[in-house]
Amino acid sequence: MTQENAIEIFKALSNETRLNILKWLKNPDEHFPPQGTHLEGVNLDGAVCVDSLQKKLNISQSTTSQYLSQLQRAGLLYAQRHGKWTYYGRNEETITKLAEYIKIEI
């Protein structure tokens, strides 16, 4: 991980709401209703629908999308689309690299 990557991630994490999104997605079953019940044979692997995130955040859909986009650009989230629904999950590889960066560089 480069310093520039780390700075982008730290910027994304500097907002309480975006940080909460990452926390909630760590254990989505504890924070969200069952996901993708309308999708047969699809493994969402812990990803959560934008609608569920927006309802929990209690903010507008556009602000929710902006927060999710920033987290995705920083590499902290991945998106998967199924029809008209988009699901977001944590990118554990990036989170692990960030933890290693902090341990070694900071």
C-alpha atoms as a PDB file:
ATOM      1  CA  MET A   1       0.000   0.000   0.000  1.00  0.00           C
ATOM      2  CA  THR A   2       1.300   3.419  -0.917  1.00  0.00           C
ATOM      3  CA  GLN A   3       1.076   6.501   1.226  1.00  0.00           C
ATOM      4  CA  GLU A   4      -1.330   7.990  -1.345  1.00  0.00           C
ATOM      5  CA  ASN A   5      -3.630   4.946  -1.010  1.00  0.00           C
ATOM      6  CA  ALA A   6      -3.538   5.247   2.770  1.00  0.00           C
ATOM      7  CA  ILE A   7      -4.383   8.958   2.620  1.00  0.00           C
ATOM      8  CA  GLU A   8      -7.403   8.242   0.384  1.00  0.00           C
ATOM      9  CA  ILE A   9      -8.577   5.592   2.845  1.00  0.00           C
ATOM     10  CA  PHE A  10      -8.075   7.869   5.851  1.00  0.00           C
ATOM     11  CA  LYS A  11     -10.109  10.577   4.091  1.00  0.00           C
ATOM     12  CA  ALA A  12     -12.928   8.089   3.541  1.00  0.00           C
ATOM     13  CA  LEU A  13     -12.787   7.021   7.188  1.00  0.00           C
ATOM     14  CA  SER A  14     -12.743  10.591   8.520  1.00  0.00           C
ATOM     15  CA  ASN A  15     -16.537  10.742   8.399  1.00  0.00           C
ATOM     16  CA  GLU A  16     -18.488   9.090  11.235  1.00  0.00           C
ATOM     17  CA  THR A  17     -21.237   7.846   8.921  1.00  0.00           C
ATOM     18  CA  ARG A  18     -18.807   6.204   6.488  1.00  0.00           C
ATOM     19  CA  LEU A  19     -16.945   4.632   9.403  1.00  0.00           C
ATOM     20  CA  ASN A  20     -20.246   3.280  10.735  1.00  0.00           C
ATOM     21  CA  ILE A  21     -21.047   1.750   7.346  1.00  0.00           C
ATOM     22  CA  LEU A  22     -17.790  -0.222   7.500  1.00  0.00           C
ATOM     23  CA  LYS A  23     -18.487  -1.268  11.091  1.00  0.00           C
ATOM     24  CA  TRP A  24     -22.009  -2.435  10.275  1.00  0.00           C
ATOM     25  CA  LEU A  25     -20.848  -4.366   7.217  1.00  0.00           C
ATOM     26  CA  LYS A  26     -18.373  -6.280   9.369  1.00  0.00           C
ATOM     27  CA  ASN A  27     -21.355  -8.147  10.888  1.00  0.00           C
ATOM     28  CA  PRO A  28     -24.267  -7.444   8.541  1.00  0.00           C
ATOM     29  CA  ASP A  29     -26.546 -10.086  10.093  1.00  0.00           C
ATOM     30  CA  GLU A  30     -26.505  -8.092  13.349  1.00  0.00           C
ATOM     31  CA  HIS A  31     -27.358  -4.777  11.719  1.00  0.00           C
ATOM     32  CA  PHE A  32     -29.562  -5.462   8.697  1.00  0.00           C
ATOM     33  CA  PRO A  33     -32.546  -7.606   7.762  1.00  0.00           C
ATOM     34  CA  PRO A  34     -31.921 -10.704   5.590  1.00  0.00           C
ATOM     35  CA  GLN A  35     -30.612  -9.652   2.191  1.00  0.00           C
ATOM     36  CA  GLY A  36     -31.376 -10.879  -1.306  1.00  0.00           C
ATOM     37  CA  THR A  37     -34.325 -13.062  -0.399  1.00  0.00           C
ATOM     38  CA  HIS A  38     -35.698 -12.358  -3.897  1.00  0.00           C
ATOM     39  CA  LEU A  39     -32.473 -13.597  -5.550  1.00  0.00           C
ATOM     40  CA  GLU A  40     -32.399 -17.349  -6.033  1.00  0.00           C
ATOM     41  CA  GLY A  41     -29.020 -19.064  -5.946  1.00  0.00           C
ATOM     42  CA  VAL A  42     -27.026 -15.853  -5.383  1.00  0.00           C
ATOM     43  CA  ASN A  43     -24.434 -15.736  -2.598  1.00  0.00           C
ATOM     44  CA  LEU A  44     -24.173 -12.148  -1.392  1.00  0.00           C
ATOM     45  CA  ASP A  45     -21.313 -13.030   0.957  1.00  0.00           C
ATOM     46  CA  GLY A  46     -22.210 -10.396   3.543  1.00  0.00           C
ATOM     47  CA  ALA A  47     -23.098  -7.658   1.073  1.00  0.00           C
ATOM     48  CA  VAL A  48     -26.027  -5.361   1.874  1.00  0.00           C
ATOM     49  CA  CYS A  49     -28.462  -3.603  -0.467  1.00  0.00           C
ATOM     50  CA  VAL A  50     -28.187   0.175  -0.807  1.00  0.00           C
ATOM     51  CA  ASP A  51     -31.820   0.471   0.291  1.00  0.00           C
ATOM     52  CA  SER A  52     -31.093  -1.293   3.599  1.00  0.00           C
ATOM     53  CA  LEU A  53     -28.079   0.931   4.202  1.00  0.00           C
ATOM     54  CA  GLN A  54     -30.061   4.073   3.430  1.00  0.00           C
ATOM     55  CA  LYS A  55     -32.862   3.092   5.807  1.00  0.00           C
ATOM     56  CA  LYS A  56     -30.402   2.408   8.640  1.00  0.00           C
ATOM     57  CA  LEU A  57     -28.536   5.656   7.985  1.00  0.00           C
ATOM     58  CA  ASN A  58     -31.803   7.611   7.754  1.00  0.00           C
ATOM     59  CA  ILE A  59     -30.340   9.931   5.125  1.00  0.00           C
ATOM     60  CA  SER A  60     -31.174  10.568   1.478  1.00  0.00           C
ATOM     61  CA  GLN A  61     -30.456   8.006  -1.213  1.00  0.00           C
ATOM     62  CA  SER A  62     -28.101  10.419  -2.975  1.00  0.00           C
ATOM     63  CA  THR A  63     -26.026  11.031   0.174  1.00  0.00           C
ATOM     64  CA  THR A  64     -25.937   7.286   0.864  1.00  0.00           C
ATOM     65  CA  SER A  65     -24.687   6.695  -2.682  1.00  0.00           C
ATOM     66  CA  GLN A  66     -22.016   9.387  -2.293  1.00  0.00           C
ATOM     67  CA  TYR A  67     -20.741   7.791   0.917  1.00  0.00           C
ATOM     68  CA  LEU A  68     -20.694   4.324  -0.638  1.00  0.00           C
ATOM     69  CA  SER A  69     -18.914   5.634  -3.734  1.00  0.00           C
ATOM     70  CA  GLN A  70     -16.189   7.259  -1.647  1.00  0.00           C
ATOM     71  CA  LEU A  71     -15.651   4.055   0.334  1.00  0.00           C
ATOM     72  CA  GLN A  72     -15.533   2.067  -2.908  1.00  0.00           C
ATOM     73  CA  ARG A  73     -13.060   4.485  -4.549  1.00  0.00           C
ATOM     74  CA  ALA A  74     -10.827   4.100  -1.490  1.00  0.00           C
ATOM     75  CA  GLY A  75     -10.985   0.329  -2.012  1.00  0.00           C
ATOM     76  CA  LEU A  76     -12.791  -0.364   1.267  1.00  0.00           C
ATOM     77  CA  LEU A  77     -15.995  -1.669  -0.346  1.00  0.00           C
ATOM     78  CA  TYR A  78     -16.902  -3.739  -3.369  1.00  0.00           C
ATOM     79  CA  ALA A  79     -20.210  -3.578  -5.216  1.00  0.00           C
ATOM     80  CA  GLN A  80     -22.163  -6.330  -6.896  1.00  0.00           C
ATOM     81  CA  ARG A  81     -25.183  -5.662  -9.050  1.00  0.00           C
ATOM     82  CA  HIS A  82     -28.139  -8.006  -9.374  1.00  0.00           C
ATOM     83  CA  GLY A  83     -30.807  -6.627 -11.683  1.00  0.00           C
ATOM     84  CA  LYS A  84     -31.787  -3.202 -10.398  1.00  0.00           C
ATOM     85  CA  TRP A  85     -30.264  -3.797  -6.958  1.00  0.00           C
ATOM     86  CA  THR A  86     -26.709  -3.009  -5.903  1.00  0.00           C
ATOM     87  CA  TYR A  87     -25.166  -4.685  -2.876  1.00  0.00           C
ATOM     88  CA  TYR A  88     -22.068  -3.477  -1.038  1.00  0.00           C
ATOM     89  CA  GLY A  89     -19.663  -5.483   1.080  1.00  0.00           C
ATOM     90  CA  ARG A  90     -16.333  -4.917   2.790  1.00  0.00           C
ATOM     91  CA  ASN A  91     -13.129  -5.429   0.829  1.00  0.00           C
ATOM     92  CA  GLU A  92     -11.272  -7.366   3.503  1.00  0.00           C
ATOM     93  CA  GLU A  93      -8.074  -7.463   1.439  1.00  0.00           C
ATOM     94  CA  THR A  94      -7.759  -3.673   1.510  1.00  0.00           C
ATOM     95  CA  ILE A  95      -8.665  -3.518   5.200  1.00  0.00           C
ATOM     96  CA  THR A  96      -5.940  -6.073   5.971  1.00  0.00           C
ATOM     97  CA  LYS A  97      -3.408  -4.108   3.913  1.00  0.00           C
ATOM     98  CA  LEU A  98      -4.363  -0.930   5.764  1.00  0.00           C
ATOM     99  CA  ALA A  99      -3.861  -2.641   9.126  1.00  0.00           C
ATOM    100  CA  GLU A 100      -0.430  -3.854   7.983  1.00  0.00           C
ATOM    101  CA  TYR A 101       0.446  -0.370   6.707  1.00  0.00           C
ATOM    102  CA  ILE A 102      -0.477   1.176  10.050  1.00  0.00           C
ATOM    103  CA  LYS A 103       1.514  -1.442  11.945  1.00  0.00           C
ATOM    104  CA  ILE A 104       4.636  -0.987   9.827  1.00  0.00           C
ATOM    105  CA  GLU A 105       4.578   2.668   8.747  1.00  0.00           C
ATOM    106  CA  ILE A 106       2.877   4.555  11.565  1.00  0.00           C
END
